[in-house]
């Protein structure tokens, strides 16, 4: 299974960006999907997570500004980011784990840069 993320880029403070990440491969059975991010010099952190049934959870730093969603039929997860701040600048990684096997997958990362 491969995860292909897209949608990163540069935006000014207060702007919006949307990310998407699609899983592809044989015998795909995706359970949880999530977005992580890693800023320069910092550890990777969880941004938002969504279960197969649609339950979501967010890091406190993005609550009310970011929205995670998914389309199970397309094995795709989305992250809508609004009211972006300089502190949101990071490489964003999508993550998924397998519904039946003890396997986890990571996307290649997409850079989001927020500048004033």
PDB file of N, CA and C in Angstrom:
ATOM      1  N   UNK A   1       0.862  -1.189   0.000  1.00  0.00           N
ATOM      2  CA  UNK A   1       0.000   0.000   0.000  1.00  0.00           C
ATOM      3  C   UNK A   1       0.900   1.242   0.000  1.00  0.00           C
ATOM      4  N   UNK A   2       0.548   2.188  -0.858  1.00  0.00           N
ATOM      5  CA  UNK A   2       1.281   3.453  -0.910  1.00  0.00           C
ATOM      6  C   UNK A   2       0.331   4.599  -0.635  1.00  0.00           C
ATOM      7  N   UNK A   3       0.834   5.599   0.069  1.00  0.00           N
ATOM      8  CA  UNK A   3       0.073   6.812   0.328  1.00  0.00           C
ATOM      9  C   UNK A   3       0.698   7.955  -0.453  1.00  0.00           C
ATOM     10  N   UNK A   4      -0.124   8.647  -1.216  1.00  0.00           N
ATOM     11  CA  UNK A   4       0.349   9.762  -2.025  1.00  0.00           C
ATOM     12  C   UNK A   4      -0.350  11.020  -1.567  1.00  0.00           C
ATOM     13  N   UNK A   5       0.443  11.920  -0.978  1.00  0.00           N
ATOM     14  CA  UNK A   5      -0.113  13.176  -0.479  1.00  0.00           C
ATOM     15  C   UNK A   5       0.075  14.278  -1.502  1.00  0.00           C
ATOM     16  N   UNK A   6      -0.835  15.221  -1.471  1.00  0.00           N
ATOM     17  CA  UNK A   6      -0.741  16.375  -2.356  1.00  0.00           C
ATOM     18  C   UNK A   6      -1.428  17.564  -1.711  1.00  0.00           C
ATOM     19  N   UNK A   7      -1.124  18.749  -2.234  1.00  0.00           N
ATOM     20  CA  UNK A   7      -1.830  19.945  -1.794  1.00  0.00           C
ATOM     21  C   UNK A   7      -1.023  20.911  -0.968  1.00  0.00           C
ATOM     22  N   UNK A   8       0.206  20.615  -0.637  1.00  0.00           N
ATOM     23  CA  UNK A   8       0.996  21.561   0.133  1.00  0.00           C
ATOM     24  C   UNK A   8       1.345  22.787  -0.686  1.00  0.00           C
ATOM     25  N   UNK A   9       1.937  23.761  -0.013  1.00  0.00           N
ATOM     26  CA  UNK A   9       2.335  24.964  -0.708  1.00  0.00           C
ATOM     27  C   UNK A   9       2.573  26.095   0.264  1.00  0.00           C
ATOM     28  N   UNK A  10       2.611  27.296  -0.262  1.00  0.00           N
ATOM     29  CA  UNK A  10       2.855  28.484   0.545  1.00  0.00           C
ATOM     30  C   UNK A  10       1.607  29.334   0.621  1.00  0.00           C
ATOM     31  N   UNK A  11       1.378  29.904   1.784  1.00  0.00           N
ATOM     32  CA  UNK A  11       0.195  30.733   1.996  1.00  0.00           C
ATOM     33  C   UNK A  11       0.541  31.780   3.047  1.00  0.00           C
ATOM     34  N   UNK A  12      -0.172  32.872   3.011  1.00  0.00           N
ATOM     35  CA  UNK A  12       0.032  33.913   4.009  1.00  0.00           C
ATOM     36  C   UNK A  12      -0.759  33.608   5.280  1.00  0.00           C
ATOM     37  N   UNK A  13      -0.327  34.191   6.359  1.00  0.00           N
ATOM     38  CA  UNK A  13      -1.019  34.040   7.625  1.00  0.00           C
ATOM     39  C   UNK A  13      -2.503  34.370   7.456  1.00  0.00           C
ATOM     40  N   UNK A  14      -3.328  33.495   8.008  1.00  0.00           N
ATOM     41  CA  UNK A  14      -4.763  33.675   7.894  1.00  0.00           C
ATOM     42  C   UNK A  14      -5.385  32.997   6.691  1.00  0.00           C
ATOM     43  N   UNK A  15      -4.554  32.489   5.820  1.00  0.00           N
ATOM     44  CA  UNK A  15      -5.050  31.838   4.617  1.00  0.00           C
ATOM     45  C   UNK A  15      -5.447  30.397   4.853  1.00  0.00           C
ATOM     46  N   UNK A  16      -5.820  29.732   3.767  1.00  0.00           N
ATOM     47  CA  UNK A  16      -6.293  28.348   3.823  1.00  0.00           C
ATOM     48  C   UNK A  16      -5.567  27.482   2.815  1.00  0.00           C
ATOM     49  N   UNK A  17      -5.445  26.224   3.160  1.00  0.00           N
ATOM     50  CA  UNK A  17      -4.899  25.220   2.258  1.00  0.00           C
ATOM     51  C   UNK A  17      -5.615  23.906   2.521  1.00  0.00           C
ATOM     52  N   UNK A  18      -5.687  23.081   1.476  1.00  0.00           N
ATOM     53  CA  UNK A  18      -6.254  21.756   1.646  1.00  0.00           C
ATOM     54  C   UNK A  18      -5.262  20.694   1.220  1.00  0.00           C
ATOM     55  N   UNK A  19      -5.171  19.659   2.005  1.00  0.00           N
ATOM     56  CA  UNK A  19      -4.304  18.531   1.686  1.00  0.00           C
ATOM     57  C   UNK A  19      -5.169  17.307   1.409  1.00  0.00           C
ATOM     58  N   UNK A  20      -4.650  16.443   0.572  1.00  0.00           N
ATOM     59  CA  UNK A  20      -5.317  15.167   0.350  1.00  0.00           C
ATOM     60  C   UNK A  20      -4.273  14.070   0.300  1.00  0.00           C
ATOM     61  N   UNK A  21      -4.706  12.867   0.583  1.00  0.00           N
ATOM     62  CA  UNK A  21      -3.795  11.728   0.595  1.00  0.00           C
ATOM     63  C   UNK A  21      -4.585  10.493   0.209  1.00  0.00           C
ATOM     64  N   UNK A  22      -4.144   9.846  -0.849  1.00  0.00           N
ATOM     65  CA  UNK A  22      -4.842   8.668  -1.343  1.00  0.00           C
ATOM     66  C   UNK A  22      -3.989   7.421  -1.163  1.00  0.00           C
ATOM     67  N   UNK A  23      -4.628   6.369  -0.706  1.00  0.00           N
ATOM     68  CA  UNK A  23      -3.963   5.075  -0.570  1.00  0.00           C
ATOM     69  C   UNK A  23      -4.217   4.250  -1.815  1.00  0.00           C
ATOM     70  N   UNK A  24      -3.182   3.592  -2.275  1.00  0.00           N
ATOM     71  CA  UNK A  24      -3.327   2.743  -3.453  1.00  0.00           C
ATOM     72  C   UNK A  24      -2.547   1.453  -3.245  1.00  0.00           C
ATOM     73  N   UNK A  25      -2.937   0.422  -3.992  1.00  0.00           N
ATOM     74  CA  UNK A  25      -2.267  -0.857  -3.875  1.00  0.00           C
ATOM     75  C   UNK A  25      -3.278  -1.986  -3.889  1.00  0.00           C
ATOM     76  N   UNK A  26      -2.768  -3.159  -3.652  1.00  0.00           N
ATOM     77  CA  UNK A  26      -3.645  -4.333  -3.674  1.00  0.00           C
ATOM     78  C   UNK A  26      -4.181  -4.626  -2.275  1.00  0.00           C
ATOM     79  N   UNK A  27      -5.398  -5.147  -2.243  1.00  0.00           N
ATOM     80  CA  UNK A  27      -6.002  -5.602  -0.987  1.00  0.00           C
ATOM     81  C   UNK A  27      -5.970  -4.522   0.080  1.00  0.00           C
ATOM     82  N   UNK A  28      -6.417  -3.344  -0.278  1.00  0.00           N
ATOM     83  CA  UNK A  28      -6.422  -2.232   0.665  1.00  0.00           C
ATOM     84  C   UNK A  28      -7.565  -2.387   1.650  1.00  0.00           C
ATOM     85  N   UNK A  29      -7.217  -2.372   2.921  1.00  0.00           N
ATOM     86  CA  UNK A  29      -8.218  -2.360   3.988  1.00  0.00           C
ATOM     87  C   UNK A  29      -7.718  -1.381   5.033  1.00  0.00           C
ATOM     88  N   UNK A  30      -8.142  -0.147   4.889  1.00  0.00           N
ATOM     89  CA  UNK A  30      -7.634   0.923   5.737  1.00  0.00           C
ATOM     90  C   UNK A  30      -8.524   1.113   6.953  1.00  0.00           C
ATOM     91  N   UNK A  31      -7.894   1.264   8.104  1.00  0.00           N
ATOM     92  CA  UNK A  31      -8.640   1.508   9.335  1.00  0.00           C
ATOM     93  C   UNK A  31      -8.552   2.997   9.674  1.00  0.00           C
ATOM     94  N   UNK A  32      -7.636   3.356  10.525  1.00  0.00           N
ATOM     95  CA  UNK A  32      -7.469   4.755  10.923  1.00  0.00           C
ATOM     96  C   UNK A  32      -6.628   5.496   9.884  1.00  0.00           C
ATOM     97  N   UNK A  33      -6.986   6.741   9.638  1.00  0.00           N
ATOM     98  CA  UNK A  33      -6.163   7.627   8.804  1.00  0.00           C
ATOM     99  C   UNK A  33      -5.890   8.893   9.606  1.00  0.00           C
ATOM    100  N   UNK A  34      -4.753   9.495   9.345  1.00  0.00           N
ATOM    101  CA  UNK A  34      -4.364  10.648  10.163  1.00  0.00           C
ATOM    102  C   UNK A  34      -3.398  11.542   9.406  1.00  0.00           C
ATOM    103  N   UNK A  35      -3.235  12.716   9.931  1.00  0.00           N
ATOM    104  CA  UNK A  35      -2.217  13.654   9.464  1.00  0.00           C
ATOM    105  C   UNK A  35      -1.280  13.977  10.633  1.00  0.00           C
ATOM    106  N   UNK A  36      -0.006  13.911  10.360  1.00  0.00           N
ATOM    107  CA  UNK A  36       1.035  14.325  11.288  1.00  0.00           C
ATOM    108  C   UNK A  36       1.795  15.479  10.645  1.00  0.00           C
ATOM    109  N   UNK A  37       2.564  16.181  11.447  1.00  0.00           N
ATOM    110  CA  UNK A  37       3.430  17.207  10.885  1.00  0.00           C
ATOM    111  C   UNK A  37       4.736  17.271  11.667  1.00  0.00           C
ATOM    112  N   UNK A  38       5.750  17.746  10.986  1.00  0.00           N
ATOM    113  CA  UNK A  38       7.056  17.896  11.612  1.00  0.00           C
ATOM    114  C   UNK A  38       7.658  19.216  11.178  1.00  0.00           C
ATOM    115  N   UNK A  39       7.814  20.096  12.146  1.00  0.00           N
ATOM    116  CA  UNK A  39       8.429  21.394  11.896  1.00  0.00           C
ATOM    117  C   UNK A  39       9.949  21.256  12.049  1.00  0.00           C
ATOM    118  N   UNK A  40      10.704  22.163  11.446  1.00  0.00           N
ATOM    119  CA  UNK A  40      12.162  22.091  11.558  1.00  0.00           C
ATOM    120  C   UNK A  40      12.629  22.071  13.007  1.00  0.00           C
ATOM    121  N   UNK A  41      13.455  21.091  13.342  1.00  0.00           N
ATOM    122  CA  UNK A  41      14.002  21.002  14.688  1.00  0.00           C
ATOM    123  C   UNK A  41      13.046  20.445  15.725  1.00  0.00           C
ATOM    124  N   UNK A  42      11.886  19.997  15.290  1.00  0.00           N
ATOM    125  CA  UNK A  42      10.902  19.477  16.243  1.00  0.00           C
ATOM    126  C   UNK A  42      10.538  18.043  15.908  1.00  0.00           C
ATOM    127  N   UNK A  43       9.915  17.371  16.871  1.00  0.00           N
ATOM    128  CA  UNK A  43       9.474  16.009  16.643  1.00  0.00           C
ATOM    129  C   UNK A  43       8.179  15.998  15.845  1.00  0.00           C
ATOM    130  N   UNK A  44       7.959  14.890  15.189  1.00  0.00           N
ATOM    131  CA  UNK A  44       6.704  14.725  14.466  1.00  0.00           C
ATOM    132  C   UNK A  44       5.551  14.659  15.469  1.00  0.00           C
ATOM    133  N   UNK A  45       4.470  15.356  15.151  1.00  0.00           N
ATOM    134  CA  UNK A  45       3.325  15.391  16.056  1.00  0.00           C
ATOM    135  C   UNK A  45       2.037  15.086  15.311  1.00  0.00           C
ATOM    136  N   UNK A  46       1.103  14.524  16.044  1.00  0.00           N
ATOM    137  CA  UNK A  46      -0.209  14.225  15.476  1.00  0.00           C
ATOM    138  C   UNK A  46      -1.007  15.512  15.333  1.00  0.00           C
ATOM    139  N   UNK A  47      -1.576  15.707  14.168  1.00  0.00           N
ATOM    140  CA  UNK A  47      -2.413  16.879  13.899  1.00  0.00           C
ATOM    141  C   UNK A  47      -3.886  16.525  14.032  1.00  0.00           C
ATOM    142  N   UNK A  48      -4.290  15.470  13.332  1.00  0.00           N
ATOM    143  CA  UNK A  48      -5.697  15.072  13.337  1.00  0.00           C
ATOM    144  C   UNK A  48      -5.794  13.609  12.940  1.00  0.00           C
ATOM    145  N   UNK A  49      -6.830  12.966  13.452  1.00  0.00           N
ATOM    146  CA  UNK A  49      -7.012  11.547  13.188  1.00  0.00           C
ATOM    147  C   UNK A  49      -8.488  11.280  12.941  1.00  0.00           C
ATOM    148  N   UNK A  50      -8.768  10.314  12.085  1.00  0.00           N
ATOM    149  CA  UNK A  50     -10.153   9.968  11.783  1.00  0.00           C
ATOM    150  C   UNK A  50     -10.250   8.455  11.652  1.00  0.00           C
ATOM    151  N   UNK A  51     -11.252   7.899  12.305  1.00  0.00           N
ATOM    152  CA  UNK A  51     -11.461   6.458  12.230  1.00  0.00           C
ATOM    153  C   UNK A  51     -12.247   6.104  10.966  1.00  0.00           C
ATOM    154  N   UNK A  52     -12.333   4.832  10.721  1.00  0.00           N
ATOM    155  CA  UNK A  52     -13.079   4.379   9.558  1.00  0.00           C
ATOM    156  C   UNK A  52     -14.549   4.806   9.647  1.00  0.00           C
ATOM    157  N   UNK A  53     -15.045   4.882  10.860  1.00  0.00           N
ATOM    158  CA  UNK A  53     -16.433   5.268  11.060  1.00  0.00           C
ATOM    159  C   UNK A  53     -16.655   6.770  11.077  1.00  0.00           C
ATOM    160  N   UNK A  54     -15.565   7.537  11.019  1.00  0.00           N
ATOM    161  CA  UNK A  54     -15.704   8.985  10.920  1.00  0.00           C
ATOM    162  C   UNK A  54     -15.474   9.757  12.206  1.00  0.00           C
ATOM    163  N   UNK A  55     -15.132   9.074  13.287  1.00  0.00           N
ATOM    164  CA  UNK A  55     -14.819   9.800  14.518  1.00  0.00           C
ATOM    165  C   UNK A  55     -13.481  10.514  14.363  1.00  0.00           C
ATOM    166  N   UNK A  56     -13.419  11.729  14.893  1.00  0.00           N
ATOM    167  CA  UNK A  56     -12.229  12.545  14.696  1.00  0.00           C
ATOM    168  C   UNK A  56     -11.662  13.031  16.021  1.00  0.00           C
ATOM    169  N   UNK A  57     -10.396  13.370  15.981  1.00  0.00           N
ATOM    170  CA  UNK A  57      -9.745  13.988  17.117  1.00  0.00           C
ATOM    171  C   UNK A  57      -8.645  14.896  16.579  1.00  0.00           C
ATOM    172  N   UNK A  58      -8.403  15.992  17.293  1.00  0.00           N
ATOM    173  CA  UNK A  58      -7.466  16.997  16.816  1.00  0.00           C
ATOM    174  C   UNK A  58      -6.478  17.397  17.902  1.00  0.00           C
ATOM    175  N   UNK A  59      -5.317  17.813  17.478  1.00  0.00           N
ATOM    176  CA  UNK A  59      -4.387  18.448  18.406  1.00  0.00           C
ATOM    177  C   UNK A  59      -5.001  19.760  18.875  1.00  0.00           C
ATOM    178  N   UNK A  60      -4.756  20.118  20.109  1.00  0.00           N
ATOM    179  CA  UNK A  60      -5.338  21.347  20.642  1.00  0.00           C
ATOM    180  C   UNK A  60      -4.959  22.563  19.810  1.00  0.00           C
ATOM    181  N   UNK A  61      -3.774  22.530  19.247  1.00  0.00           N
ATOM    182  CA  UNK A  61      -3.275  23.692  18.510  1.00  0.00           C
ATOM    183  C   UNK A  61      -4.028  23.952  17.203  1.00  0.00           C
ATOM    184  N   UNK A  62      -4.767  22.966  16.720  1.00  0.00           N
ATOM    185  CA  UNK A  62      -5.464  23.145  15.441  1.00  0.00           C
ATOM    186  C   UNK A  62      -6.981  23.057  15.560  1.00  0.00           C
ATOM    187  N   UNK A  63      -7.477  22.768  16.754  1.00  0.00           N
ATOM    188  CA  UNK A  63      -8.928  22.648  16.933  1.00  0.00           C
ATOM    189  C   UNK A  63      -9.627  23.941  16.528  1.00  0.00           C
ATOM    190  N   UNK A  64     -10.695  23.780  15.786  1.00  0.00           N
ATOM    191  CA  UNK A  64     -11.457  24.929  15.327  1.00  0.00           C
ATOM    192  C   UNK A  64     -10.924  25.545  14.050  1.00  0.00           C
ATOM    193  N   UNK A  65      -9.738  25.127  13.614  1.00  0.00           N
ATOM    194  CA  UNK A  65      -9.152  25.683  12.390  1.00  0.00           C
ATOM    195  C   UNK A  65      -8.978  24.619  11.307  1.00  0.00           C
ATOM    196  N   UNK A  66      -8.680  23.405  11.707  1.00  0.00           N
ATOM    197  CA  UNK A  66      -8.446  22.318  10.755  1.00  0.00           C
ATOM    198  C   UNK A  66      -9.614  21.336  10.797  1.00  0.00           C
ATOM    199  N   UNK A  67      -9.896  20.738   9.653  1.00  0.00           N
ATOM    200  CA  UNK A  67     -10.930  19.717   9.570  1.00  0.00           C
ATOM    201  C   UNK A  67     -10.397  18.524   8.792  1.00  0.00           C
ATOM    202  N   UNK A  68     -10.468  17.359   9.412  1.00  0.00           N
ATOM    203  CA  UNK A  68     -10.067  16.130   8.738  1.00  0.00           C
ATOM    204  C   UNK A  68     -11.325  15.405   8.267  1.00  0.00           C
ATOM    205  N   UNK A  69     -11.239  14.815   7.094  1.00  0.00           N
ATOM    206  CA  UNK A  69     -12.353  14.045   6.563  1.00  0.00           C
ATOM    207  C   UNK A  69     -11.783  12.924   5.697  1.00  0.00           C
ATOM    208  N   UNK A  70     -12.620  12.000   5.341  1.00  0.00           N
ATOM    209  CA  UNK A  70     -12.155  10.894   4.506  1.00  0.00           C
ATOM    210  C   UNK A  70     -13.278  10.387   3.625  1.00  0.00           C
ATOM    211  N   UNK A  71     -12.872   9.743   2.555  1.00  0.00           N
ATOM    212  CA  UNK A  71     -13.803   9.105   1.655  1.00  0.00           C
ATOM    213  C   UNK A  71     -13.369   7.654   1.561  1.00  0.00           C
ATOM    214  N   UNK A  72     -14.063   6.789   2.272  1.00  0.00           N
ATOM    215  CA  UNK A  72     -13.642   5.388   2.352  1.00  0.00           C
ATOM    216  C   UNK A  72     -13.626   4.707   0.985  1.00  0.00           C
ATOM    217  N   UNK A  73     -14.578   5.050   0.143  1.00  0.00           N
ATOM    218  CA  UNK A  73     -14.665   4.404  -1.171  1.00  0.00           C
ATOM    219  C   UNK A  73     -13.422   4.680  -2.013  1.00  0.00           C
ATOM    220  N   UNK A  74     -12.754   5.791  -1.720  1.00  0.00           N
ATOM    221  CA  UNK A  74     -11.549   6.145  -2.470  1.00  0.00           C
ATOM    222  C   UNK A  74     -10.285   6.036  -1.629  1.00  0.00           C
ATOM    223  N   UNK A  75     -10.421   5.509  -0.402  1.00  0.00           N
ATOM    224  CA  UNK A  75      -9.264   5.374   0.495  1.00  0.00           C
ATOM    225  C   UNK A  75      -8.463   6.670   0.567  1.00  0.00           C
ATOM    226  N   UNK A  76      -9.177   7.757   0.717  1.00  0.00           N
ATOM    227  CA  UNK A  76      -8.556   9.077   0.694  1.00  0.00           C
ATOM    228  C   UNK A  76      -8.904   9.850   1.958  1.00  0.00           C
ATOM    229  N   UNK A  77      -7.919  10.543   2.475  1.00  0.00           N
ATOM    230  CA  UNK A  77      -8.110  11.403   3.635  1.00  0.00           C
ATOM    231  C   UNK A  77      -7.760  12.833   3.241  1.00  0.00           C
ATOM    232  N   UNK A  78      -8.487  13.766   3.821  1.00  0.00           N
ATOM    233  CA  UNK A  78      -8.317  15.181   3.504  1.00  0.00           C
ATOM    234  C   UNK A  78      -8.035  15.953   4.786  1.00  0.00           C
ATOM    235  N   UNK A  79      -7.375  17.081   4.621  1.00  0.00           N
ATOM    236  CA  UNK A  79      -7.173  17.995   5.741  1.00  0.00           C
ATOM    237  C   UNK A  79      -7.397  19.409   5.219  1.00  0.00           C
ATOM    238  N   UNK A  80      -8.462  20.028   5.673  1.00  0.00           N
ATOM    239  CA  UNK A  80      -8.727  21.421   5.330  1.00  0.00           C
ATOM    240  C   UNK A  80      -8.173  22.290   6.444  1.00  0.00           C
ATOM    241  N   UNK A  81      -7.282  23.188   6.086  1.00  0.00           N
ATOM    242  CA  UNK A  81      -6.599  24.030   7.068  1.00  0.00           C
ATOM    243  C   UNK A  81      -6.990  25.484   6.830  1.00  0.00           C
ATOM    244  N   UNK A  82      -7.626  26.080   7.817  1.00  0.00           N
ATOM    245  CA  UNK A  82      -8.052  27.470   7.737  1.00  0.00           C
ATOM    246  C   UNK A  82      -7.343  28.291   8.804  1.00  0.00           C
ATOM    247  N   UNK A  83      -7.369  29.586   8.646  1.00  0.00           N
ATOM    248  CA  UNK A  83      -6.762  30.501   9.617  1.00  0.00           C
ATOM    249  C   UNK A  83      -5.343  30.080   9.962  1.00  0.00           C
ATOM    250  N   UNK A  84      -4.578  29.828   8.937  1.00  0.00           N
ATOM    251  CA  UNK A  84      -3.227  29.298   9.138  1.00  0.00           C
ATOM    252  C   UNK A  84      -2.324  30.311   9.815  1.00  0.00           C
ATOM    253  N   UNK A  85      -1.439  29.779  10.650  1.00  0.00           N
ATOM    254  CA  UNK A  85      -0.501  30.593  11.406  1.00  0.00           C
ATOM    255  C   UNK A  85       0.929  30.177  11.027  1.00  0.00           C
ATOM    256  N   UNK A  86       1.865  31.044  11.372  1.00  0.00           N
ATOM    257  CA  UNK A  86       3.263  30.718  11.089  1.00  0.00           C
ATOM    258  C   UNK A  86       3.668  29.412  11.763  1.00  0.00           C
ATOM    259  N   UNK A  87       3.108  29.155  12.915  1.00  0.00           N
ATOM    260  CA  UNK A  87       3.417  27.935  13.655  1.00  0.00           C
ATOM    261  C   UNK A  87       2.912  26.666  12.999  1.00  0.00           C
ATOM    262  N   UNK A  88       2.098  26.796  11.962  1.00  0.00           N
ATOM    263  CA  UNK A  88       1.625  25.625  11.220  1.00  0.00           C
ATOM    264  C   UNK A  88       2.622  25.195  10.147  1.00  0.00           C
ATOM    265  N   UNK A  89       3.644  25.984   9.942  1.00  0.00           N
ATOM    266  CA  UNK A  89       4.654  25.639   8.945  1.00  0.00           C
ATOM    267  C   UNK A  89       5.345  24.333   9.318  1.00  0.00           C
ATOM    268  N   UNK A  90       5.293  23.379   8.398  1.00  0.00           N
ATOM    269  CA  UNK A  90       5.848  22.055   8.675  1.00  0.00           C
ATOM    270  C   UNK A  90       5.708  21.186   7.421  1.00  0.00           C
ATOM    271  N   UNK A  91       6.356  20.042   7.486  1.00  0.00           N
ATOM    272  CA  UNK A  91       6.074  19.006   6.504  1.00  0.00           C
ATOM    273  C   UNK A  91       4.942  18.159   7.064  1.00  0.00           C
ATOM    274  N   UNK A  92       3.912  17.988   6.283  1.00  0.00           N
ATOM    275  CA  UNK A  92       2.733  17.245   6.718  1.00  0.00           C
ATOM    276  C   UNK A  92       2.769  15.845   6.095  1.00  0.00           C
ATOM    277  N   UNK A  93       2.556  14.857   6.944  1.00  0.00           N
ATOM    278  CA  UNK A  93       2.592  13.462   6.525  1.00  0.00           C
ATOM    279  C   UNK A  93       1.227  12.821   6.767  1.00  0.00           C
ATOM    280  N   UNK A  94       0.765  12.068   5.801  1.00  0.00           N
ATOM    281  CA  UNK A  94      -0.441  11.291   6.043  1.00  0.00           C
ATOM    282  C   UNK A  94      -0.042   9.900   6.528  1.00  0.00           C
ATOM    283  N   UNK A  95      -0.947   9.322   7.265  1.00  0.00           N
ATOM    284  CA  UNK A  95      -0.707   8.036   7.917  1.00  0.00           C
ATOM    285  C   UNK A  95      -1.972   7.196   7.798  1.00  0.00           C
ATOM    286  N   UNK A  96      -1.782   5.921   7.669  1.00  0.00           N
ATOM    287  CA  UNK A  96      -2.916   4.999   7.683  1.00  0.00           C
ATOM    288  C   UNK A  96      -2.464   3.675   8.264  1.00  0.00           C
ATOM    289  N   UNK A  97      -3.383   2.980   8.908  1.00  0.00           N
ATOM    290  CA  UNK A  97      -3.052   1.618   9.320  1.00  0.00           C
ATOM    291  C   UNK A  97      -4.066   0.638   8.763  1.00  0.00           C
ATOM    292  N   UNK A  98      -3.659  -0.595   8.770  1.00  0.00           N
ATOM    293  CA  UNK A  98      -4.463  -1.634   8.127  1.00  0.00           C
ATOM    294  C   UNK A  98      -5.551  -2.136   9.060  1.00  0.00           C
ATOM    295  N   UNK A  99      -6.686  -2.418   8.479  1.00  0.00           N
ATOM    296  CA  UNK A  99      -7.831  -2.872   9.273  1.00  0.00           C
ATOM    297  C   UNK A  99      -7.626  -4.271   9.839  1.00  0.00           C
ATOM    298  N   UNK A 100      -6.924  -5.137   9.113  1.00  0.00           N
ATOM    299  CA  UNK A 100      -6.831  -6.539   9.515  1.00  0.00           C
ATOM    300  C   UNK A 100      -5.421  -6.980   9.889  1.00  0.00           C
ATOM    301  N   UNK A 101      -4.425  -6.233   9.447  1.00  0.00           N
ATOM    302  CA  UNK A 101      -3.043  -6.638   9.701  1.00  0.00           C
ATOM    303  C   UNK A 101      -2.321  -5.562  10.495  1.00  0.00           C
ATOM    304  N   UNK A 102      -1.296  -5.960  11.204  1.00  0.00           N
ATOM    305  CA  UNK A 102      -0.517  -5.030  12.007  1.00  0.00           C
ATOM    306  C   UNK A 102       0.476  -4.294  11.106  1.00  0.00           C
ATOM    307  N   UNK A 103      -0.088  -3.428  10.255  1.00  0.00           N
ATOM    308  CA  UNK A 103       0.730  -2.687   9.302  1.00  0.00           C
ATOM    309  C   UNK A 103       0.334  -1.219   9.335  1.00  0.00           C
ATOM    310  N   UNK A 104       1.319  -0.359   9.161  1.00  0.00           N
ATOM    311  CA  UNK A 104       1.086   1.078   9.105  1.00  0.00           C
ATOM    312  C   UNK A 104       1.805   1.649   7.892  1.00  0.00           C
ATOM    313  N   UNK A 105       1.242   2.695   7.345  1.00  0.00           N
ATOM    314  CA  UNK A 105       1.771   3.275   6.127  1.00  0.00           C
ATOM    315  C   UNK A 105       1.932   4.784   6.302  1.00  0.00           C
ATOM    316  N   UNK A 106       2.951   5.330   5.654  1.00  0.00           N
ATOM    317  CA  UNK A 106       3.200   6.770   5.696  1.00  0.00           C
ATOM    318  C   UNK A 106       3.306   7.319   4.277  1.00  0.00           C
ATOM    319  N   UNK A 107       2.770   8.525   4.096  1.00  0.00           N
ATOM    320  CA  UNK A 107       2.967   9.232   2.849  1.00  0.00           C
ATOM    321  C   UNK A 107       4.332   9.887   2.829  1.00  0.00           C
ATOM    322  N   UNK A 108       4.651  10.486   1.691  1.00  0.00           N
ATOM    323  CA  UNK A 108       5.991  11.022   1.502  1.00  0.00           C
ATOM    324  C   UNK A 108       6.190  12.400   2.123  1.00  0.00           C
ATOM    325  N   UNK A 109       5.142  13.028   2.574  1.00  0.00           N
ATOM    326  CA  UNK A 109       5.261  14.354   3.157  1.00  0.00           C
ATOM    327  C   UNK A 109       5.057  15.453   2.148  1.00  0.00           C
ATOM    328  N   UNK A 110       4.367  16.485   2.575  1.00  0.00           N
ATOM    329  CA  UNK A 110       4.143  17.651   1.720  1.00  0.00           C
ATOM    330  C   UNK A 110       4.361  18.904   2.566  1.00  0.00           C
ATOM    331  N   UNK A 111       5.095  19.850   2.023  1.00  0.00           N
ATOM    332  CA  UNK A 111       5.500  21.037   2.783  1.00  0.00           C
ATOM    333  C   UNK A 111       4.418  22.105   2.765  1.00  0.00           C
ATOM    334  N   UNK A 112       4.115  22.601   3.948  1.00  0.00           N
ATOM    335  CA  UNK A 112       3.204  23.738   4.097  1.00  0.00           C
ATOM    336  C   UNK A 112       4.001  24.873   4.745  1.00  0.00           C
ATOM    337  N   UNK A 113       4.017  25.995   4.068  1.00  0.00           N
ATOM    338  CA  UNK A 113       4.748  27.159   4.572  1.00  0.00           C
ATOM    339  C   UNK A 113       3.781  28.320   4.743  1.00  0.00           C
ATOM    340  N   UNK A 114       3.720  28.843   5.956  1.00  0.00           N
ATOM    341  CA  UNK A 114       2.845  29.972   6.261  1.00  0.00           C
ATOM    342  C   UNK A 114       3.714  31.160   6.623  1.00  0.00           C
ATOM    343  N   UNK A 115       3.545  32.239   5.883  1.00  0.00           N
ATOM    344  CA  UNK A 115       4.375  33.410   6.102  1.00  0.00           C
ATOM    345  C   UNK A 115       3.511  34.648   6.286  1.00  0.00           C
ATOM    346  N   UNK A 116       4.073  35.614   6.968  1.00  0.00           N
ATOM    347  CA  UNK A 116       3.323  36.852   7.206  1.00  0.00           C
ATOM    348  C   UNK A 116       3.555  37.847   6.087  1.00  0.00           C
TER     349      UNK A 116
END
